[in-house]
């Protein structure tokens, strides 16, 4: 994909969707999740997604990796993408 097209697509995204950025609030929530749920290695990335979701009040996650988020099912609704 040409870089110009990629840049245009990235700029288009926030005009159609609310972008939830991980900031210091999300980091604090991530640390709280890590203190309460056994998380390690690559699972930290999943936990960061959940922490950011919680800060922004996003309750459902559509994902190809539903099993990766099973440990967070008491906090979010995981919707398998099929």
Protein backbone atom coordinates (compact mmCIF):
# COMPACT_ATOMS: atom_id res chain seq x y z
CA UNK A 1 0.00 0.00 0.00
CA UNK A 2 1.43 3.42 -0.89
CA UNK A 3 2.25 5.54 2.17
CA UNK A 4 -0.06 8.34 1.00
CA UNK A 5 -3.00 5.93 1.01
CA UNK A 6 -2.05 4.62 4.45
CA UNK A 7 -1.84 8.17 5.86
CA UNK A 8 -5.24 9.00 4.37
CA UNK A 9 -6.78 5.92 5.95
CA UNK A 10 -5.27 6.66 9.37
CA UNK A 11 -6.56 10.24 9.22
CA UNK A 12 -10.01 9.02 8.17
CA UNK A 13 -10.38 6.61 11.09
CA UNK A 14 -10.99 9.19 13.87
CA UNK A 15 -13.59 10.96 11.73
CA UNK A 16 -15.74 7.82 11.84
CA UNK A 17 -14.86 6.27 15.21
CA UNK A 18 -14.06 7.39 18.73
CA UNK A 19 -10.39 6.63 19.31
CA UNK A 20 -9.57 5.46 22.83
CA UNK A 21 -5.95 6.37 23.51
CA UNK A 22 -4.04 4.87 26.39
CA UNK A 23 -2.98 7.69 28.66
CA UNK A 24 -1.97 7.94 32.30
CA UNK A 25 -5.50 6.95 33.41
CA UNK A 26 -5.29 3.79 31.32
CA UNK A 27 -1.84 3.06 32.72
CA UNK A 28 -3.13 3.33 36.28
CA UNK A 29 -6.03 1.02 35.42
CA UNK A 30 -3.59 -1.41 33.79
CA UNK A 31 -1.52 -1.53 36.97
CA UNK A 32 -4.66 -2.22 39.00
CA UNK A 33 -5.61 -5.05 36.63
CA UNK A 34 -2.12 -6.52 36.88
CA UNK A 35 -2.32 -6.43 40.67
CA UNK A 36 -5.62 -8.33 40.68
CA UNK A 37 -5.39 -10.74 37.75
CA UNK A 38 -2.49 -13.07 36.94
CA UNK A 39 -0.96 -11.44 33.84
CA UNK A 40 2.45 -11.86 32.27
CA UNK A 41 4.33 -11.57 29.02
CA UNK A 42 2.22 -10.82 25.96
CA UNK A 43 -0.92 -10.84 28.11
CA UNK A 44 0.03 -7.34 29.26
CA UNK A 45 -0.94 -6.05 25.81
CA UNK A 46 -4.41 -7.58 26.17
CA UNK A 47 -4.71 -6.16 29.67
CA UNK A 48 -3.76 -2.72 28.33
CA UNK A 49 -6.60 -2.94 25.80
CA UNK A 50 -9.03 -3.84 28.59
CA UNK A 51 -7.72 -1.05 30.83
CA UNK A 52 -8.14 1.49 28.04
CA UNK A 53 -11.63 0.19 27.34
CA UNK A 54 -12.58 0.62 30.98
CA UNK A 55 -11.27 4.19 31.13
CA UNK A 56 -13.38 5.10 28.09
CA UNK A 57 -16.45 3.14 29.15
CA UNK A 58 -16.22 0.65 26.29
CA UNK A 59 -17.92 -2.54 27.41
CA UNK A 60 -17.66 -4.87 24.38
CA UNK A 61 -14.65 -6.10 22.45
CA UNK A 62 -14.97 -7.64 18.99
CA UNK A 63 -11.90 -9.82 18.43
CA UNK A 64 -10.45 -12.79 16.58
CA UNK A 65 -8.66 -13.69 19.83
CA UNK A 66 -11.59 -14.29 22.17
CA UNK A 67 -9.63 -16.86 24.19
CA UNK A 68 -6.94 -14.26 24.95
CA UNK A 69 -9.53 -12.07 26.65
CA UNK A 70 -11.40 -14.79 28.55
CA UNK A 71 -9.64 -13.84 31.79
CA UNK A 72 -11.30 -10.42 31.54
CA UNK A 73 -14.84 -11.69 30.87
CA UNK A 74 -16.00 -10.45 34.27
CA UNK A 75 -14.99 -6.91 33.21
CA UNK A 76 -15.92 -6.77 29.51
CA UNK A 77 -18.07 -8.64 27.04
CA UNK A 78 -15.93 -10.47 24.53
CA UNK A 79 -17.57 -10.91 21.13
CA UNK A 80 -15.81 -13.44 18.90
CA UNK A 81 -15.23 -12.19 15.36
CA UNK A 82 -16.10 -15.01 12.99
